[in-house]
């Protein structure tokens, strides 16, 4: 990264803020040594922590505010009363051009409401969607929406499919990504009215999307499609369930290797392979969900993540800026909405995101 990138950070968002945010920014500097940060939060709490991070301090511009958005705040209340909150001020830094992107581990609904209000949406998009990468047996797939829109109609799902298709081509570098609608079965008659209506539109050739059809829950890990489209309620439940299963698997595996002396000896032989597996499935590596459809870069970190996970979320924001994702998604959405044949994809940045 030759040119400096500036990222706005909500220092008060997340279960372990502000320490986790600052340590995450310090870790991110190892990868992006020219990065700069606008940090918004309580100076009284931040200053002592920053004094212990001598590498980070010169890269930070600290903006004091003693207001923060509670984790249980309703989005409408946060939007109305949180104009001086650390989250809103960080988002405003992107809106007025002082920062290239914003990262927060705070209240998801509040961040979506504020980001949509301050940054606006891209032409042709009614609702932004939260998207992230999922590890699968075939590589990585993108899934959206993960919680921004609990209730969706057919038009919303079609727009998510458009954005997911663009994301897969510009970020994953796929020439013809496959798109699937998550459903309770693969038969045409399964699912609610919105899902069936969206499928009918996508099958009807109204867009150049390569629509696979309906997929089920077990297709996610299998990598059946490159883009998984669903409403925010189902997507968020799926995300938390996958994270829970991964944690259960990890804890059970560790317990099994502690069961007996022979198991401990077996671990010594399998340690290298197990470390690779743990790294592959570590949810912190996939931390950093993107708000697709906004006219600005906004990345939502998991609220309970640690500094390593938050550093990855910062990396997502930086990589999206470095690779010109906003311009690419605007251009590709324009082509898709006019029915033009998509341009050849640029080199994927999936490897850069992790």
Protein backbone atom coordinates (compact mmCIF):
# COMPACT_ATOMS: atom_id res chain seq x y z
CA UNK A 1 0.00 0.00 0.00
CA UNK A 2 1.86 3.04 -1.26
CA UNK A 3 -0.72 5.76 -0.51
CA UNK A 4 -1.94 6.40 3.00
CA UNK A 5 -5.39 5.12 3.88
CA UNK A 6 -7.39 6.67 6.71
CA UNK A 7 -9.90 4.58 8.64
CA UNK A 8 -12.37 5.94 11.18
CA UNK A 9 -12.72 3.77 14.28
CA UNK A 10 -15.58 3.68 16.77
CA UNK A 11 -13.42 3.16 19.86
CA UNK A 12 -16.36 2.62 22.20
CA UNK A 13 -18.17 -0.12 20.25
CA UNK A 14 -17.82 -3.78 21.25
CA UNK A 15 -17.73 -5.89 24.38
CA UNK A 16 -14.05 -5.19 25.06
CA UNK A 17 -13.75 -1.60 23.87
CA UNK A 18 -11.76 0.59 23.84
CA UNK A 19 -8.77 -1.66 24.56
CA UNK A 20 -9.65 -4.21 21.90
CA UNK A 21 -10.10 -1.48 19.27
CA UNK A 22 -6.74 0.15 19.98
CA UNK A 23 -4.83 -3.13 20.13
CA UNK A 24 -6.52 -4.20 16.92
CA UNK A 25 -5.43 -0.99 15.20
CA UNK A 26 -1.89 -1.60 16.47
CA UNK A 27 -1.90 -5.10 14.97
CA UNK A 28 -3.31 -3.74 11.69
CA UNK A 29 -0.35 -1.36 11.44
CA UNK A 30 1.95 -4.36 11.00
CA UNK A 31 0.21 -5.09 7.72
CA UNK A 32 -0.57 -1.50 6.74
CA UNK A 33 2.30 0.61 8.12
CA UNK A 34 1.16 3.77 6.30
CA UNK A 35 -2.43 3.58 7.57
CA UNK A 36 -3.86 6.44 9.61
CA UNK A 37 -6.79 6.34 12.02
CA UNK A 38 -9.39 8.79 13.22
CA UNK A 39 -10.39 7.39 16.62
CA UNK A 40 -13.64 8.54 18.23
CA UNK A 41 -14.28 7.93 21.91
CA UNK A 42 -13.71 8.88 25.53
CA UNK A 43 -10.26 10.48 25.84
CA UNK A 44 -10.11 9.65 29.55
CA UNK A 45 -10.31 5.92 28.82
CA UNK A 46 -8.36 5.94 25.57
CA UNK A 47 -5.31 8.05 26.49
CA UNK A 48 -3.84 5.65 29.11
CA UNK A 49 -4.20 2.71 26.72
CA UNK A 50 -2.69 4.63 23.84
CA UNK A 51 0.33 5.52 25.97
CA UNK A 52 1.17 1.80 26.08
CA UNK A 53 1.10 1.53 22.27
CA UNK A 54 3.99 3.72 21.06
CA UNK A 55 3.80 2.45 17.47
CA UNK A 56 0.12 3.30 17.18
CA UNK A 57 0.10 6.73 18.80
CA UNK A 58 1.64 8.67 15.86
CA UNK A 59 -0.88 7.13 13.45
CA UNK A 60 -3.91 8.27 15.44
CA UNK A 61 -5.95 11.45 15.54
CA UNK A 62 -8.10 11.24 18.65
CA UNK A 63 -11.54 12.89 18.71
CA UNK A 64 -13.12 13.07 22.13
CA UNK A 65 -16.73 12.24 22.86
CA UNK A 66 -18.17 10.77 26.01
CA UNK A 67 -21.26 9.50 24.22
CA UNK A 68 -21.57 5.90 23.01
CA UNK A 69 -24.39 3.79 21.56
CA UNK A 70 -25.53 1.08 24.00
CA UNK A 71 -25.58 -2.46 22.66
CA UNK A 72 -29.32 -2.75 23.27
CA UNK A 73 -30.32 0.62 21.81
CA UNK A 74 -33.06 0.61 19.21
CA UNK A 75 -31.82 1.79 15.80
CA UNK A 76 -34.44 4.55 15.59
CA UNK A 77 -33.51 5.87 19.04
CA UNK A 78 -29.78 5.68 18.27
CA UNK A 79 -30.29 7.59 15.02
CA UNK A 80 -32.32 10.30 16.72
CA UNK A 81 -30.27 10.77 19.89
CA UNK A 82 -26.76 9.58 18.97
CA UNK A 83 -25.55 12.43 16.79
CA UNK A 84 -22.51 12.98 19.06
CA UNK A 85 -21.83 9.31 19.73
CA UNK A 86 -18.52 7.69 18.83
CA UNK A 87 -20.24 5.56 16.20
CA UNK A 88 -22.03 8.41 14.46
CA UNK A 89 -18.96 10.67 14.47
CA UNK A 90 -16.86 7.88 12.93
CA UNK A 91 -19.45 7.37 10.19
CA UNK A 92 -19.65 11.11 9.58
CA UNK A 93 -15.88 11.15 9.01
CA UNK A 94 -16.46 8.93 5.96
CA UNK A 95 -19.44 10.96 4.80
CA UNK A 96 -17.49 14.22 4.79
CA UNK A 97 -14.39 12.71 3.18
CA UNK A 98 -12.00 12.75 6.15
CA UNK A 99 -11.81 8.95 6.23
CA UNK A 100 -11.86 6.25 3.57
CA UNK A 101 -13.89 3.79 5.64
CA UNK A 102 -15.36 3.17 9.07
CA UNK A 103 -15.08 0.13 11.36
CA UNK A 104 -17.19 -0.48 14.45
CA UNK A 105 -17.90 -3.44 16.72
CA UNK A 106 -20.94 -1.72 18.20
CA UNK A 107 -24.68 -2.11 17.84
CA UNK A 108 -25.37 -3.56 14.38
CA UNK A 109 -28.83 -2.10 13.91
CA UNK A 110 -27.70 1.34 15.03
CA UNK A 111 -24.69 1.27 12.73
CA UNK A 112 -26.82 0.27 9.77
CA UNK A 113 -29.36 3.02 10.46
CA UNK A 114 -26.69 5.68 10.92
CA UNK A 115 -24.62 4.56 7.94
CA UNK A 116 -27.63 4.49 5.66
CA UNK A 117 -28.65 7.97 6.79
CA UNK A 118 -25.18 9.53 6.56
CA UNK A 119 -23.66 7.68 3.60
CA UNK A 120 -26.83 7.03 1.57
CA UNK A 121 -27.32 4.03 -0.70
CA UNK A 122 -26.05 3.36 -4.19
CA UNK A 123 -28.45 4.00 -7.10
CA UNK A 124 -30.90 1.13 -7.49
CA UNK A 125 -30.48 -0.19 -3.94
CA UNK A 126 -33.34 0.19 -1.43
CA UNK A 127 -31.71 -1.52 1.54
CA UNK A 128 -28.04 -2.21 2.27
CA UNK A 129 -27.16 -5.75 3.29
CA UNK A 130 -24.51 -7.19 5.59
CA UNK A 131 -22.23 -9.62 3.78
CA UNK A 132 -19.26 -11.73 4.80
CA UNK A 133 -17.19 -14.62 3.52
CA UNK A 134 -17.82 -18.19 4.64
CA UNK A 135 -15.22 -20.99 4.45
CA UNK A 136 -16.54 -23.94 2.43
CA UNK A 137 -15.23 -27.19 1.01
CA UNK A 138 -14.68 -25.43 -2.34
CA UNK A 139 -13.05 -22.27 -1.03
CA UNK A 140 -14.98 -19.18 0.10
CA UNK A 141 -18.57 -18.15 -0.50
CA UNK A 142 -20.26 -14.85 0.27
CA UNK A 143 -23.51 -14.76 2.24
CA UNK A 144 -25.95 -11.87 2.65
CA UNK A 145 -27.95 -10.55 4.44
CA UNK A 146 -26.64 -11.34 7.92
CA UNK A 147 -28.94 -9.22 10.02
CA UNK A 148 -29.50 -5.77 8.60
CA UNK A 149 -32.99 -6.54 7.23
CA UNK A 150 -35.07 -8.91 9.33
CA UNK A 151 -38.03 -8.74 6.96
CA UNK A 152 -37.46 -8.70 3.20
CA UNK A 153 -39.68 -8.74 0.16
CA UNK A 154 -38.86 -10.23 -3.25
CA UNK A 155 -37.37 -6.97 -4.54
CA UNK A 156 -34.96 -6.81 -1.59
CA UNK A 157 -33.79 -10.38 -2.20
CA UNK A 158 -33.24 -9.69 -5.90
CA UNK A 159 -31.14 -6.64 -5.02
CA UNK A 160 -29.13 -8.75 -2.55
CA UNK A 161 -28.52 -11.24 -5.34
CA UNK A 162 -27.28 -8.42 -7.61
CA UNK A 163 -24.91 -7.10 -4.93
CA UNK A 164 -23.69 -10.57 -4.04
CA UNK A 165 -22.99 -11.33 -7.69
CA UNK A 166 -20.97 -8.11 -8.03
CA UNK A 167 -19.10 -8.83 -4.81
CA UNK A 168 -18.18 -12.35 -5.92
CA UNK A 169 -16.86 -11.11 -9.26
CA UNK A 170 -14.96 -8.07 -8.00
CA UNK A 171 -13.70 -9.47 -4.69
CA UNK A 172 -13.49 -13.22 -5.23
CA UNK A 173 -12.49 -12.78 -8.87
CA UNK A 174 -15.09 -15.22 -10.21
CA UNK A 175 -16.07 -14.82 -13.86
CA UNK A 176 -19.53 -16.38 -13.47
CA UNK A 177 -20.46 -16.83 -9.82
CA UNK A 178 -23.48 -18.94 -9.01
CA UNK A 179 -26.21 -17.45 -6.83
CA UNK A 180 -28.59 -19.45 -4.64
CA UNK A 181 -31.57 -18.54 -2.48
CA UNK A 182 -31.51 -20.15 0.98
CA UNK A 183 -34.76 -22.02 1.52
CA UNK A 184 -36.36 -24.85 3.49
CA UNK A 185 -36.16 -27.12 0.44
CA UNK A 186 -35.00 -27.19 -3.14
CA UNK A 187 -38.44 -27.74 -4.68
CA UNK A 188 -40.09 -24.81 -6.47
CA UNK A 189 -43.14 -24.84 -4.18
CA UNK A 190 -41.11 -24.58 -0.96
CA UNK A 191 -40.60 -21.36 0.98
CA UNK A 192 -42.56 -18.19 1.66
CA UNK A 193 -44.03 -15.86 -0.92
CA UNK A 194 -41.04 -13.51 -0.99
CA UNK A 195 -38.53 -16.30 -1.63
CA UNK A 196 -40.63 -17.88 -4.38
CA UNK A 197 -41.29 -14.51 -6.06
CA UNK A 198 -37.59 -13.62 -5.95
CA UNK A 199 -36.69 -16.98 -7.47
CA UNK A 200 -39.20 -16.46 -10.26
CA UNK A 201 -37.66 -13.09 -11.12
CA UNK A 202 -34.10 -14.43 -11.04
CA UNK A 203 -35.07 -17.41 -13.22
CA UNK A 204 -36.88 -15.14 -15.64
CA UNK A 205 -33.69 -13.76 -17.16
CA UNK A 206 -34.31 -10.22 -15.96
CA UNK A 207 -30.65 -10.04 -14.91
CA UNK A 208 -27.50 -11.75 -16.24
CA UNK A 209 -27.06 -13.47 -12.87
CA UNK A 210 -26.22 -17.17 -13.03
CA UNK A 211 -29.03 -18.32 -10.74
CA UNK A 212 -28.63 -21.82 -9.32
CA UNK A 213 -32.02 -22.02 -7.61
CA UNK A 214 -32.95 -22.86 -4.05
CA UNK A 215 -30.32 -24.21 -1.66
CA UNK A 216 -30.63 -25.66 1.83
CA UNK A 217 -28.58 -25.20 4.99
CA UNK A 218 -26.17 -28.04 4.27
CA UNK A 219 -25.28 -26.46 0.92
CA UNK A 220 -23.54 -23.57 2.70
CA UNK A 221 -20.53 -25.52 3.97
CA UNK A 222 -20.54 -27.66 0.84
CA UNK A 223 -19.92 -24.61 -1.31
CA UNK A 224 -22.76 -25.49 -3.66
CA UNK A 225 -23.01 -21.84 -4.76
CA UNK A 226 -20.71 -18.86 -4.62
CA UNK A 227 -23.35 -16.43 -3.33
CA UNK A 228 -25.92 -17.32 -0.67
CA UNK A 229 -28.90 -14.95 -0.50
CA UNK A 230 -31.35 -14.80 2.38
CA UNK A 231 -33.20 -12.36 4.62
CA UNK A 232 -31.44 -10.89 7.62
CA UNK A 233 -33.35 -12.95 10.18
CA UNK A 234 -32.39 -16.28 8.65
CA UNK A 235 -28.88 -15.10 7.80
CA UNK A 236 -28.11 -13.95 11.32
CA UNK A 237 -29.45 -17.15 12.87
CA UNK A 238 -27.38 -19.17 10.40
CA UNK A 239 -24.23 -17.16 11.16
CA UNK A 240 -24.56 -17.61 14.92
CA UNK A 241 -25.34 -21.32 14.51
CA UNK A 242 -22.24 -21.84 12.35
CA UNK A 243 -20.09 -19.97 14.87
CA UNK A 244 -21.52 -22.09 17.69
CA UNK A 245 -20.86 -25.35 15.88
CA UNK A 246 -17.28 -24.29 15.13
CA UNK A 247 -16.72 -23.46 18.80
CA UNK A 248 -18.25 -26.78 19.90
CA UNK A 249 -16.05 -28.69 17.47
CA UNK A 250 -12.93 -26.90 18.65
CA UNK A 251 -13.65 -27.43 22.34
CA UNK A 252 -14.62 -31.08 21.85
CA UNK A 253 -11.47 -31.74 19.86
CA UNK A 254 -9.27 -30.24 22.57
CA UNK A 255 -11.08 -32.27 25.23
CA UNK A 256 -10.58 -35.46 23.23
CA UNK A 257 -6.83 -34.95 23.03
CA UNK A 258 -6.67 -34.44 26.80
CA UNK A 259 -8.61 -37.64 27.48
CA UNK A 260 -5.65 -40.02 27.89
CA UNK A 261 -1.89 -40.32 27.55
CA UNK A 262 -2.20 -42.02 24.17
CA UNK A 263 -4.47 -39.18 22.99
CA UNK A 264 -1.85 -36.63 24.06
CA UNK A 265 0.82 -38.54 22.17
CA UNK A 266 -1.45 -38.64 19.12
CA UNK A 267 -1.83 -34.88 19.35
CA UNK A 268 1.94 -34.44 19.07
CA UNK A 269 1.87 -36.21 15.70
CA UNK A 270 -1.24 -34.38 14.49
CA UNK A 271 -0.37 -30.94 15.86
CA UNK A 272 0.70 -29.40 12.56
CA UNK A 273 -2.43 -30.49 10.71
CA UNK A 274 -4.65 -29.41 13.59
CA UNK A 275 -3.12 -25.94 13.63
CA UNK A 276 -3.88 -25.58 9.91
CA UNK A 277 -7.45 -26.69 10.54
CA UNK A 278 -7.85 -24.26 13.43
CA UNK A 279 -6.52 -21.39 11.32
CA UNK A 280 -8.86 -22.29 8.46
CA UNK A 281 -11.94 -22.29 10.72
CA UNK A 282 -10.95 -19.46 13.07
CA UNK A 283 -13.91 -17.05 12.97
CA UNK A 284 -11.60 -14.14 13.75
CA UNK A 285 -10.05 -14.54 10.30
CA UNK A 286 -13.47 -13.91 8.76
CA UNK A 287 -14.32 -11.03 11.09
CA UNK A 288 -15.44 -7.91 9.30
CA UNK A 289 -18.84 -7.90 7.63
CA UNK A 290 -19.37 -5.37 4.84
CA UNK A 291 -22.44 -3.18 4.45
CA UNK A 292 -23.05 -3.69 0.73
CA UNK A 293 -25.13 -1.10 -1.08
CA UNK A 294 -23.90 1.97 0.78
CA UNK A 295 -22.15 4.83 -1.01
CA UNK A 296 -19.19 4.46 1.34
CA UNK A 297 -17.12 1.77 3.03
CA UNK A 298 -18.57 0.59 6.35
CA UNK A 299 -17.39 -2.60 8.07
CA UNK A 300 -19.06 -4.19 11.08
CA UNK A 301 -16.86 -6.18 13.44
CA UNK A 302 -18.26 -8.87 15.72
CA UNK A 303 -19.01 -7.31 19.08
CA UNK A 304 -17.25 -10.02 21.10
CA UNK A 305 -14.11 -10.28 18.98
CA UNK A 306 -10.60 -9.75 20.27
CA UNK A 307 -7.83 -7.47 18.95
CA UNK A 308 -6.78 -9.98 16.28
CA UNK A 309 -10.31 -10.19 14.94
CA UNK A 310 -10.75 -6.41 14.98
CA UNK A 311 -7.47 -6.03 13.10
CA UNK A 312 -8.90 -8.27 10.38
CA UNK A 313 -12.01 -6.07 10.22
CA UNK A 314 -9.76 -3.05 9.70
CA UNK A 315 -7.96 -5.02 6.99
CA UNK A 316 -11.25 -5.58 5.20
CA UNK A 317 -11.95 -1.83 5.12
CA UNK A 318 -8.43 -1.01 3.92
CA UNK A 319 -8.47 -3.67 1.21
CA UNK A 320 -11.86 -2.54 -0.09
CA UNK A 321 -10.46 0.98 -0.47
CA UNK A 322 -7.12 -0.08 -1.96
CA UNK A 323 -8.84 -2.24 -4.57
CA UNK A 324 -11.42 0.38 -5.50
CA UNK A 325 -14.36 -1.78 -4.49
CA UNK A 326 -16.87 1.07 -4.28
CA UNK A 327 -16.24 2.15 -7.85
CA UNK A 328 -16.30 -1.44 -9.08
CA UNK A 329 -19.59 -2.24 -7.39
CA UNK A 330 -21.12 1.00 -8.72
CA UNK A 331 -19.99 0.20 -12.27
CA UNK A 332 -21.10 -3.41 -12.10
CA UNK A 333 -24.49 -2.59 -10.60
CA UNK A 334 -25.05 -0.12 -13.43
CA UNK A 335 -24.21 -2.84 -15.98
CA UNK A 336 -26.41 -5.41 -14.27
CA UNK A 337 -29.33 -3.03 -13.92
CA UNK A 338 -29.18 -2.21 -17.64
CA UNK A 339 -28.74 -5.86 -18.59
CA UNK A 340 -25.30 -5.28 -20.11
CA UNK A 341 -22.81 -8.11 -20.24
CA UNK A 342 -20.51 -7.84 -17.18
CA UNK A 343 -16.92 -6.84 -17.80
CA UNK A 344 -14.15 -9.33 -17.20
CA UNK A 345 -13.44 -9.47 -13.45
CA UNK A 346 -10.39 -7.84 -12.00
CA UNK A 347 -7.99 -9.88 -9.92
CA UNK A 348 -9.78 -11.06 -6.80
CA UNK A 349 -8.90 -9.56 -3.46
CA UNK A 350 -10.14 -12.46 -1.35
CA UNK A 351 -6.58 -13.28 -0.40
CA UNK A 352 -6.06 -9.67 0.59
CA UNK A 353 -9.08 -9.70 2.84
CA UNK A 354 -7.59 -12.31 5.10
